[in-house]
Protein backbone atom coordinates (compact mmCIF):
# COMPACT_ATOMS: atom_id res chain seq x y z
CA MET A 1 9.21 6.65 -1.85
CA ILE A 2 6.13 4.65 -2.88
CA VAL A 3 6.44 1.61 -5.15
CA ASP A 4 3.32 1.04 -7.23
CA HIS A 5 3.10 -1.73 -9.84
CA GLY A 6 6.76 -1.36 -10.66
CA ARG A 7 6.69 2.45 -10.71
CA VAL A 8 8.34 4.51 -8.03
CA VAL A 9 6.40 7.48 -6.70
CA GLY A 10 8.51 9.88 -4.69
CA ASN A 11 8.06 12.12 -1.70
CA ALA A 12 6.62 14.90 -3.87
CA SER A 13 3.50 12.83 -4.57
CA ARG A 14 3.12 11.94 -0.90
CA ALA A 15 3.51 15.63 0.01
CA ALA A 16 0.89 16.64 -2.56
CA ILE A 17 -1.58 14.19 -1.03
CA THR A 18 -0.96 15.19 2.58
CA ASN A 19 -0.80 18.96 1.91
CA ASP A 20 -4.23 19.12 0.28
CA ARG A 21 -6.81 18.84 3.05
CA ARG A 22 -9.54 18.06 0.49
CA ILE A 23 -7.89 14.74 -0.28
CA THR A 24 -7.41 13.30 3.22
CA GLY A 25 -9.71 15.51 5.28
CA LEU A 26 -6.93 16.15 7.79
CA SER A 27 -4.32 18.86 8.19
CA VAL A 28 -0.63 18.15 7.76
CA ASP A 29 -0.13 18.57 11.53
CA VAL A 30 -2.76 15.94 12.34
CA ILE A 31 -1.25 13.52 9.84
CA ALA A 32 2.20 14.11 11.37
CA GLU A 33 0.76 13.37 14.82
CA LEU A 34 -0.82 10.15 13.53
CA VAL A 35 2.48 9.05 12.01
CA ALA A 36 4.36 9.85 15.23
CA GLU A 37 1.81 8.13 17.47
CA LEU A 38 0.69 5.16 15.40
CA GLY A 39 3.79 4.48 13.30
CA PRO A 40 5.87 2.84 16.05
CA LEU A 41 2.86 0.80 17.24
CA TRP A 42 2.13 -0.42 13.71
CA HIS A 43 5.78 -1.29 13.13
CA GLU A 44 6.02 -3.18 16.42
CA GLN A 45 2.84 -5.14 15.73
CA HIS A 46 3.94 -5.83 12.16
CA GLN A 47 7.27 -7.23 13.42
CA THR A 48 5.89 -9.33 16.31
CA ARG A 49 2.81 -10.76 14.59
CA PRO A 50 4.59 -13.46 12.54
CA ALA A 51 6.59 -14.63 15.55
CA SER A 52 3.50 -15.00 17.74
CA ARG A 53 1.72 -17.62 15.62
CA LEU A 54 2.50 -20.94 14.04
CA ARG A 55 3.77 -20.69 10.48
CA LYS A 56 1.72 -22.28 7.72
CA ARG A 57 4.21 -21.31 5.01
CA THR A 58 7.93 -21.04 4.81
CA ILE A 59 9.61 -17.75 5.65
CA GLY A 60 9.36 -15.37 2.72
CA ALA A 61 6.44 -17.15 1.03
CA ASN A 62 3.91 -14.40 1.81
CA ALA A 63 3.18 -11.36 -0.32
CA LYS A 64 5.87 -8.70 -0.29
CA HIS A 65 4.50 -5.50 1.18
CA ARG A 66 6.00 -2.58 -0.67
CA LEU A 67 4.33 0.22 1.25
CA VAL A 68 5.58 1.29 4.66
CA PHE A 69 3.35 2.88 7.28
CA VAL A 70 3.85 6.49 6.13
CA ASP A 71 2.69 5.43 2.66
CA ARG A 72 -0.19 3.28 3.89
CA LEU A 73 -1.64 6.02 6.10
CA PRO A 74 -2.47 8.49 3.28
CA ALA A 75 -3.88 5.64 1.18
CA THR A 76 -6.10 4.59 4.09
CA LEU A 77 -7.24 8.17 4.73
CA VAL A 78 -8.12 8.71 1.07
CA HIS A 79 -9.98 5.39 0.97
CA LEU A 80 -11.97 6.20 4.10
CA ARG A 81 -12.80 9.76 3.03
CA HIS A 82 -13.76 9.12 -0.58
CA GLY A 83 -14.55 5.40 -0.67
CA VAL A 84 -12.38 4.86 -3.71
CA THR A 85 -11.41 1.40 -4.89
CA HIS A 86 -7.93 -0.06 -4.62
CA ASP A 87 -7.46 0.44 -8.36
CA VAL A 88 -7.95 4.18 -7.94
CA LEU A 89 -5.58 4.24 -4.96
CA ALA A 90 -2.94 2.44 -7.02
CA CYS A 91 -3.00 5.25 -9.57
């Protein structure tokens, strides 16, 4: 499920993006391999990064990230392939 400006976009939208090779430039199998290989690394880095540096703000003061790795990956692939702006990605 993707949360976008208060709207919830479900798995059907994510599947439509990943199933159409023209959008991401990669096959579904390659995207699945990327998620399996990079997902745990991203999650680990995302969890350990705040603990490894001195805090400048109180806990919870940073922006709330609503997209998890499996939602960020297609957005990144579309951005890299087509060079679209963040406004277009949000739609």
